[in-house]
Amino acid sequence: MLLHILPVVFAVFVWWFGTALVFVLDQLPRRSFHWTMAGASAALVGALYGAVALAEDVSVPAAYLGFACGVVIWAWSEIGFLTGLITGPSRQPCPPGAEGWGRFLAALRTILYHELAILALALVLLALLWDAPNQMALHTYLVLWIMRQSAKVNIYLGARNLGESMLPPHLLHLASYFRRGTMNALFPVSVTGGTIAVVVLVQNGLGAGAYEATAYTLLAALMALAVIEHWFLMLPLPLDGLWTWSRPGHVPKHTVPCPQHGDTARLPLRP
């Protein structure tokens, strides 16, 4: 039983504490961001080295360490984005009246470099761990990537909880691309697909060897957390405090209607 319980506890702790830590770092003075990114880059190199060093190891500790390496590699891209150092060629709010492809392309320009960095890291991991017995770092990274992309698109299409208060001041223009709504067409697909993936991973882990059981349970727990995060987008509850508890009080208290959506989305103002 512990073979399945401990991976769940570990995944929940890494998910919650890691997310909070990234938000703490992105709230430091902007003059510290280059030092933060330098530290994150050193951690990235260490995690890539660790993923390669663990590639032939199929022990239980190697499953945990591979999972941690995947999270650290993902965290590098998140820190780069939230510090504003790796975003996109545009830092402008959504043009008034933009819809359809115009709105999509404008939104893409604000995050293009970040998306390319995520893709590049995925390709690096794929090349390093191709046919390796222990691909936990790659699989962890892919789960985070797929589900984060799903969450981004759901917020773009329309969600109840947009997480504006989690944006740092230098990224507040991104809120103009969010759309507030109680449902969108992608949401049922996202949560259904994620839930099916959790069930499949759990089934694969049951009765498997120690390494496989640990690996599948870690990935199942991470996927389940991602599905729960998707539900957070639609629940009529203010849930940002799960992570923003550790942030200074810069969170905007005033909002104005987003220029292209009227009252369907709201753009925070800096205090």
Protein backbone atom coordinates (compact mmCIF):
# COMPACT_ATOMS: atom_id res chain seq x y z
CA MET A 1 0.00 0.00 0.00
CA LEU A 2 2.85 2.40 0.84
CA LEU A 3 4.16 1.80 -2.67
CA HIS A 4 1.17 3.82 -3.90
CA ILE A 5 0.51 6.18 -0.97
CA LEU A 6 4.01 7.65 -0.72
CA PRO A 7 4.21 8.65 -4.42
CA VAL A 8 0.86 10.46 -4.09
CA VAL A 9 2.05 12.37 -1.01
CA PHE A 10 5.33 13.23 -2.75
CA ALA A 11 3.59 14.44 -5.92
CA VAL A 12 1.14 16.62 -3.98
CA PHE A 13 3.93 18.19 -1.95
CA VAL A 14 6.11 18.91 -4.99
CA TRP A 15 3.13 20.34 -6.92
CA TRP A 16 1.94 22.63 -4.15
CA PHE A 17 5.27 23.73 -2.68
CA GLY A 18 6.95 24.07 -6.08
CA THR A 19 4.16 26.27 -7.43
CA ALA A 20 4.23 28.50 -4.35
CA LEU A 21 8.03 28.80 -4.55
CA VAL A 22 7.91 29.93 -8.17
CA PHE A 23 5.38 32.62 -7.25
CA VAL A 24 7.59 33.78 -4.37
CA LEU A 25 10.57 34.14 -6.70
CA ASP A 26 8.55 36.06 -9.26
CA GLN A 27 7.50 38.55 -6.55
CA LEU A 28 11.06 39.55 -5.67
CA PRO A 29 12.31 42.93 -6.98
CA ARG A 30 12.76 42.87 -10.74
CA ARG A 31 16.48 43.57 -10.37
CA SER A 32 16.76 40.06 -8.88
CA PHE A 33 15.17 38.29 -11.85
CA HIS A 34 18.42 37.72 -13.73
CA TRP A 35 19.91 36.11 -10.62
CA THR A 36 16.77 34.01 -10.21
CA MET A 37 17.03 32.90 -13.82
CA ALA A 38 20.73 32.12 -13.42
CA GLY A 39 19.92 29.90 -10.44
CA ALA A 40 17.06 28.25 -12.33
CA SER A 41 19.37 27.64 -15.30
CA ALA A 42 21.94 25.97 -13.04
CA ALA A 43 19.15 23.80 -11.63
CA LEU A 44 18.04 23.02 -15.20
CA VAL A 45 21.52 21.79 -16.14
CA GLY A 46 21.63 19.69 -12.98
CA ALA A 47 18.19 18.21 -13.69
CA LEU A 48 19.13 17.34 -17.28
CA TYR A 49 22.31 15.71 -16.05
CA GLY A 50 20.31 13.84 -13.42
CA ALA A 51 17.79 12.63 -15.99
CA VAL A 52 20.61 11.19 -18.10
CA ALA A 53 22.40 9.69 -15.08
CA LEU A 54 19.18 7.94 -14.05
CA ALA A 55 18.30 6.73 -17.54
CA GLU A 56 19.39 3.12 -16.92
CA ASP A 57 18.26 2.98 -13.28
CA VAL A 58 14.86 1.40 -12.67
CA SER A 59 14.87 1.45 -8.88
CA VAL A 60 12.21 3.12 -6.73
CA PRO A 61 14.51 6.03 -5.72
CA ALA A 62 15.28 6.59 -9.41
CA ALA A 63 11.56 6.97 -10.14
CA TYR A 64 11.27 9.70 -7.50
CA LEU A 65 14.45 11.44 -8.65
CA GLY A 66 13.41 11.28 -12.31
CA PHE A 67 10.05 12.80 -11.38
CA ALA A 68 11.83 15.59 -9.49
CA CYS A 69 14.13 16.23 -12.46
CA GLY A 70 11.13 16.59 -14.76
CA VAL A 71 9.51 19.09 -12.38
CA VAL A 72 12.72 21.15 -12.11
CA ILE A 73 13.09 21.24 -15.90
CA TRP A 74 9.49 22.42 -16.22
CA ALA A 75 10.01 24.98 -13.46
CA TRP A 76 12.78 26.62 -15.50
CA SER A 77 10.31 27.52 -18.24
CA GLU A 78 7.74 28.75 -15.71
CA ILE A 79 10.28 30.97 -13.95
CA GLY A 80 11.43 32.35 -17.29
CA PHE A 81 7.86 33.21 -18.16
CA LEU A 82 6.70 34.66 -14.84
CA THR A 83 9.78 36.84 -14.49
CA GLY A 84 9.02 38.20 -17.95
CA LEU A 85 12.42 37.14 -19.33
CA ILE A 86 10.96 34.54 -21.73
CA THR A 87 7.55 35.60 -22.98
CA GLY A 88 6.98 36.80 -26.56
CA PRO A 89 7.66 39.63 -29.03
CA SER A 90 4.56 41.54 -27.90
CA ARG A 91 3.77 42.96 -24.47
CA GLN A 92 0.64 44.80 -25.53
CA PRO A 93 -2.93 44.21 -24.30
CA CYS A 94 -5.38 42.64 -26.70
CA PRO A 95 -6.41 45.14 -29.39
CA PRO A 96 -9.96 46.45 -28.90
CA GLY A 97 -12.50 44.44 -30.86
CA ALA A 98 -10.07 41.64 -31.76
CA GLU A 99 -11.81 38.31 -32.32
CA GLY A 100 -11.14 35.00 -34.05
CA TRP A 101 -7.72 34.58 -35.63
CA GLY A 102 -6.81 38.19 -34.90
CA ARG A 103 -7.25 37.67 -31.16
CA PHE A 104 -5.51 34.28 -31.27
CA LEU A 105 -2.45 35.59 -33.13
CA ALA A 106 -2.22 38.61 -30.84
CA ALA A 107 -2.33 36.30 -27.81
CA LEU A 108 0.25 33.97 -29.33
CA ARG A 109 2.67 36.86 -29.85
CA THR A 110 2.66 37.54 -26.10
CA ILE A 111 3.85 34.00 -25.22
CA LEU A 112 5.58 32.76 -28.40
CA TYR A 113 9.15 32.58 -27.05
CA HIS A 114 7.92 30.75 -23.96
CA GLU A 115 6.10 28.17 -26.06
CA LEU A 116 9.16 27.63 -28.24
CA ALA A 117 11.35 27.19 -25.14
CA ILE A 118 8.95 24.54 -23.79
CA LEU A 119 9.04 22.70 -27.12
CA ALA A 120 12.85 22.88 -27.26
CA LEU A 121 13.18 21.38 -23.77
CA ALA A 122 10.79 18.58 -24.69
CA LEU A 123 12.89 17.75 -27.76
CA VAL A 124 16.09 17.81 -25.68
CA LEU A 125 14.59 15.40 -23.16
CA LEU A 126 13.29 13.16 -25.93
CA ALA A 127 16.74 13.01 -27.53
CA LEU A 128 18.52 12.37 -24.21
CA LEU A 129 16.15 9.64 -23.02
CA TRP A 130 15.27 7.95 -26.30
CA ASP A 131 14.75 4.22 -25.57
CA ALA A 132 16.00 4.68 -21.98
CA PRO A 133 14.48 2.32 -19.37
CA ASN A 134 13.86 5.25 -17.00
CA GLN A 135 12.04 8.06 -18.79
CA MET A 136 10.38 9.55 -15.73
CA ALA A 137 11.79 13.04 -16.33
CA LEU A 138 10.40 13.07 -19.88
CA HIS A 139 7.01 11.66 -18.92
CA THR A 140 6.64 14.08 -16.01
CA TYR A 141 7.53 17.00 -18.26
CA LEU A 142 5.01 15.89 -20.90
CA VAL A 143 2.18 15.59 -18.37
CA LEU A 144 2.91 19.11 -17.11
CA TRP A 145 3.15 20.47 -20.66
CA ILE A 146 -0.03 18.88 -22.00
CA MET A 147 -2.18 19.82 -19.04
CA ARG A 148 -0.77 23.34 -18.74
CA GLN A 149 -1.48 23.93 -22.44
CA SER A 150 -5.02 22.69 -21.86
CA ALA A 151 -5.47 25.08 -18.93
CA LYS A 152 -4.16 28.01 -21.00
CA VAL A 153 -6.60 27.33 -23.83
CA ASN A 154 -9.49 26.92 -21.39
CA ILE A 155 -8.72 30.33 -19.87
CA TYR A 156 -8.46 31.81 -23.37
CA LEU A 157 -11.83 30.34 -24.38
CA GLY A 158 -13.59 31.19 -21.12
CA ALA A 159 -13.41 30.19 -17.46
CA ARG A 160 -14.98 31.37 -14.22
CA ASN A 161 -11.71 31.69 -12.25
CA LEU A 162 -9.12 33.34 -14.47
CA GLY A 163 -6.39 33.72 -11.85
CA GLU A 164 -5.74 37.41 -12.53
CA SER A 165 -4.46 37.90 -9.00
CA MET A 166 -1.69 35.38 -9.71
CA LEU A 167 -0.21 37.51 -12.50
CA PRO A 168 2.82 39.61 -11.53
CA PRO A 169 2.59 43.34 -12.37
CA HIS A 170 4.81 43.05 -15.46
CA LEU A 171 2.46 40.46 -17.00
CA LEU A 172 -0.89 42.12 -16.30
CA HIS A 173 -1.40 42.76 -20.02
CA LEU A 174 -2.02 39.01 -20.43
CA ALA A 175 -5.31 39.31 -18.55
CA SER A 176 -6.75 41.22 -21.51
CA TYR A 177 -6.66 37.94 -23.46
CA PHE A 178 -8.61 36.02 -20.82
CA ARG A 179 -12.32 35.49 -21.20
CA ARG A 180 -14.66 35.00 -18.28
CA GLY A 181 -17.38 32.39 -18.68
CA THR A 182 -19.03 29.52 -16.87
CA MET A 183 -18.14 26.92 -19.52
CA ASN A 184 -16.40 26.43 -22.85
CA ALA A 185 -16.36 23.63 -25.41
CA LEU A 186 -12.88 22.40 -24.52
CA PHE A 187 -13.41 22.01 -20.76
CA PRO A 188 -15.41 18.72 -20.84
CA VAL A 189 -12.84 17.25 -23.23
CA SER A 190 -9.96 18.33 -20.97
CA VAL A 191 -11.34 16.90 -17.74
CA THR A 192 -12.65 13.73 -19.39
CA GLY A 193 -9.37 13.04 -21.16
CA GLY A 194 -7.38 13.79 -18.02
CA THR A 195 -9.59 11.54 -15.90
CA ILE A 196 -9.26 8.67 -18.38
CA ALA A 197 -5.48 9.12 -18.31
CA VAL A 198 -5.52 8.92 -14.48
CA VAL A 199 -7.51 5.68 -14.58
CA VAL A 200 -5.19 4.12 -17.17
CA LEU A 201 -2.08 5.10 -15.20
CA VAL A 202 -3.53 3.72 -11.97
CA GLN A 203 -4.46 0.46 -13.67
CA ASN A 204 -0.97 0.11 -15.12
CA GLY A 205 0.55 0.68 -11.70
CA LEU A 206 -1.56 -1.90 -9.89
CA GLY A 207 0.24 -5.20 -9.60
CA ALA A 208 3.33 -3.90 -11.39
CA GLY A 209 6.90 -4.12 -10.13
CA ALA A 210 8.21 -1.64 -7.58
CA TYR A 211 9.67 0.82 -10.10
CA GLU A 212 6.68 0.69 -12.44
CA ALA A 213 4.17 1.00 -9.60
CA THR A 214 5.99 4.05 -8.22
CA ALA A 215 6.39 5.66 -11.64
CA TYR A 216 2.79 5.15 -12.72
CA THR A 217 1.46 6.35 -9.36
CA LEU A 218 3.57 9.52 -9.48
CA LEU A 219 2.30 10.30 -12.97
CA ALA A 220 -1.30 9.42 -12.04
CA ALA A 221 -1.15 11.74 -9.03
CA LEU A 222 0.29 14.56 -11.14
CA MET A 223 -2.39 14.08 -13.78
CA ALA A 224 -5.10 13.99 -11.12
CA LEU A 225 -3.81 17.26 -9.67
CA ALA A 226 -3.91 18.79 -13.14
CA VAL A 227 -7.54 17.67 -13.56
CA ILE A 228 -8.38 19.23 -10.19
CA GLU A 229 -6.71 22.46 -11.32
CA HIS A 230 -8.97 22.42 -14.36
CA TRP A 231 -12.03 22.14 -12.11
CA PHE A 232 -10.68 25.08 -10.10
CA LEU A 233 -11.07 27.15 -13.28
CA MET A 234 -14.81 26.60 -13.26
CA LEU A 235 -15.73 26.43 -9.58
CA PRO A 236 -17.49 29.56 -8.22
CA LEU A 237 -14.89 29.86 -5.45
CA PRO A 238 -11.83 32.11 -5.04
CA LEU A 239 -9.04 29.52 -4.95
CA ASP A 240 -5.96 31.59 -5.83
CA GLY A 241 -5.03 31.72 -2.15
CA LEU A 242 -3.83 28.11 -2.36
CA TRP A 243 -0.64 29.52 -3.84
CA THR A 244 -0.67 33.28 -3.27
CA TRP A 245 -0.55 32.94 0.54
CA SER A 246 3.20 33.61 0.38
CA ARG A 247 3.11 36.64 -1.88
CA PRO A 248 3.41 40.28 -0.86
CA GLY A 249 0.30 42.42 -1.08
CA HIS A 250 0.66 43.76 -4.60
CA VAL A 251 -2.44 41.92 -5.81
CA PRO A 252 -4.60 44.41 -7.70
CA LYS A 253 -7.72 45.58 -5.92
CA HIS A 254 -9.28 47.39 -8.86
CA THR A 255 -10.27 46.20 -12.30
CA VAL A 256 -11.62 47.66 -15.49
CA PRO A 257 -13.57 45.92 -18.26
CA CYS A 258 -11.30 44.26 -20.75
CA PRO A 259 -11.33 46.36 -23.95
CA GLN A 260 -12.51 43.69 -26.34
CA HIS A 261 -14.91 41.74 -24.13
CA GLY A 262 -16.73 44.29 -22.00
CA ASP A 263 -17.81 42.57 -18.80
CA THR A 264 -16.87 39.04 -19.97
CA ALA A 265 -13.31 39.50 -18.70
CA ARG A 266 -11.61 41.99 -16.48
CA LEU A 267 -8.15 43.47 -16.68
CA PRO A 268 -6.44 44.16 -13.33
CA LEU A 269 -4.96 47.59 -12.70
CA ARG A 270 -1.71 48.09 -10.92
CA PRO A 271 -2.24 49.78 -7.53
